[in-house]
Amino acid sequence: MMPSFEVYVSALSEALDEYSARFNVTLLANGICEDPSMSEKYFIHTDLQSGKETLVDIHVLRGVKEHIINGGESICIEQDMDFEIQDQDIINMGPLIC
């Protein structure tokens, strides 16, 4: 699980920039997979201290109370860096398990 923090931004790109600076990582759109369905969907999370790379998926949880989807939605934003972040949105990023 990736560490969390609170930030006020208007677009996904701003949130990822804040995260990258805070945790000394880079997040780059994954464009290197041979499988086209994966190339345009996920990000490569690189820890700049260790060099460890992890393929991660990012979703925006909207209308969620205390991290539980209850009448809310999980939006798969793929690599839309201009995706508009609204107040109370939770950006959920996690490594792929398969």
Protein backbone atom coordinates (compact mmCIF):
# COMPACT_ATOMS: atom_id res chain seq x y z
CA MET A 1 0.00 0.00 0.00
CA MET A 2 1.27 3.43 -0.93
CA PRO A 3 1.53 6.08 1.84
CA SER A 4 -1.23 8.66 2.04
CA PHE A 5 -1.49 12.38 2.77
CA GLU A 6 -3.92 15.23 2.25
CA VAL A 7 -3.41 17.76 -0.54
CA TYR A 8 -5.56 20.33 -2.30
CA VAL A 9 -5.25 20.16 -6.09
CA SER A 10 -7.45 20.62 -9.13
CA ALA A 11 -6.01 17.97 -11.48
CA LEU A 12 -4.48 14.52 -11.22
CA SER A 13 -1.14 15.82 -12.55
CA GLU A 14 -0.85 18.20 -9.58
CA ALA A 15 -1.63 15.42 -7.11
CA LEU A 16 0.99 13.12 -8.63
CA ASP A 17 3.57 15.93 -8.59
CA GLU A 18 2.87 16.53 -4.88
CA TYR A 19 3.11 12.81 -4.13
CA SER A 20 6.35 12.45 -6.11
CA ALA A 21 8.01 15.36 -4.31
CA ARG A 22 6.86 14.24 -0.85
CA PHE A 23 7.94 10.61 -1.18
CA ASN A 24 10.97 10.99 -3.51
CA VAL A 25 9.50 8.92 -6.33
CA THR A 26 8.64 9.31 -10.00
CA LEU A 27 5.33 8.35 -11.54
CA LEU A 28 5.43 7.92 -15.30
CA ALA A 29 2.75 6.75 -17.67
CA ASN A 30 3.46 3.14 -18.60
CA GLY A 31 4.09 3.09 -22.30
CA ILE A 32 6.50 0.17 -22.46
CA CYS A 33 4.26 -2.87 -22.17
CA GLU A 34 3.84 -5.13 -25.17
CA ASP A 35 0.19 -5.56 -24.20
CA PRO A 36 -1.64 -2.42 -25.47
CA SER A 37 -4.37 -2.82 -22.84
CA MET A 38 -1.75 -2.24 -20.15
CA SER A 39 0.30 0.43 -21.92
CA GLU A 40 -2.36 3.12 -21.68
CA LYS A 41 -3.75 2.34 -18.26
CA TYR A 42 -1.07 2.07 -15.57
CA PHE A 43 1.87 4.05 -14.20
CA ILE A 44 5.44 3.09 -13.33
CA HIS A 45 6.16 4.08 -9.71
CA THR A 46 9.93 4.35 -9.14
CA ASP A 47 11.43 4.84 -5.68
CA LEU A 48 14.35 7.18 -6.36
CA GLN A 49 16.32 5.99 -3.32
CA SER A 50 16.19 2.26 -4.02
CA GLY A 51 15.48 2.32 -7.76
CA LYS A 52 12.65 -0.18 -7.25
CA GLU A 53 9.97 0.02 -9.94
CA THR A 54 6.36 -1.03 -9.41
CA LEU A 55 3.49 -0.98 -11.87
CA VAL A 56 0.57 0.84 -10.21
CA ASP A 57 -3.08 1.50 -11.00
CA ILE A 58 -4.72 4.79 -10.03
CA HIS A 59 -8.42 5.27 -9.35
CA VAL A 60 -10.34 8.26 -8.02
CA LEU A 61 -12.82 7.44 -5.29
CA ARG A 62 -15.68 9.93 -5.38
CA GLY A 63 -18.55 10.15 -2.90
CA VAL A 64 -16.72 7.88 -0.46
CA LYS A 65 -16.96 8.05 3.32
CA GLU A 66 -13.89 7.01 5.31
CA HIS A 67 -12.36 5.05 2.42
CA ILE A 68 -15.45 2.84 2.04
CA ILE A 69 -17.38 3.00 -1.21
CA ASN A 70 -20.93 3.48 0.02
CA GLY A 71 -23.04 5.04 -2.67
CA GLY A 72 -19.85 6.42 -4.21
CA GLU A 73 -17.86 5.37 -7.23
CA SER A 74 -14.40 4.21 -8.18
CA ILE A 75 -13.34 5.98 -11.38
CA CYS A 76 -10.63 4.35 -13.47
CA ILE A 77 -8.90 7.43 -14.89
CA GLU A 78 -6.24 5.45 -16.77
CA GLN A 79 -3.51 8.01 -17.69
CA ASP A 80 -5.70 11.13 -17.86
CA MET A 81 -3.36 13.61 -16.16
CA ASP A 82 -5.91 16.42 -16.70
CA PHE A 83 -8.63 14.53 -14.81
CA GLU A 84 -10.36 17.07 -12.55
CA ILE A 85 -10.03 16.36 -8.84
CA GLN A 86 -12.96 17.51 -6.72
CA ASP A 87 -13.08 18.30 -3.01
CA GLN A 88 -13.31 15.11 -0.95
CA ASP A 89 -12.00 12.88 -3.79
CA ILE A 90 -9.58 10.18 -2.73
CA ILE A 91 -6.85 9.21 -5.17
CA ASN A 92 -6.23 5.52 -4.68
CA MET A 93 -2.95 4.13 -6.01
CA GLY A 94 -1.80 0.58 -5.56
CA PRO A 95 0.47 -2.01 -7.10
CA LEU A 96 -0.92 -4.59 -9.50
CA ILE A 97 -1.29 -8.01 -7.91
CA CYS A 98 -1.35 -10.04 -11.09
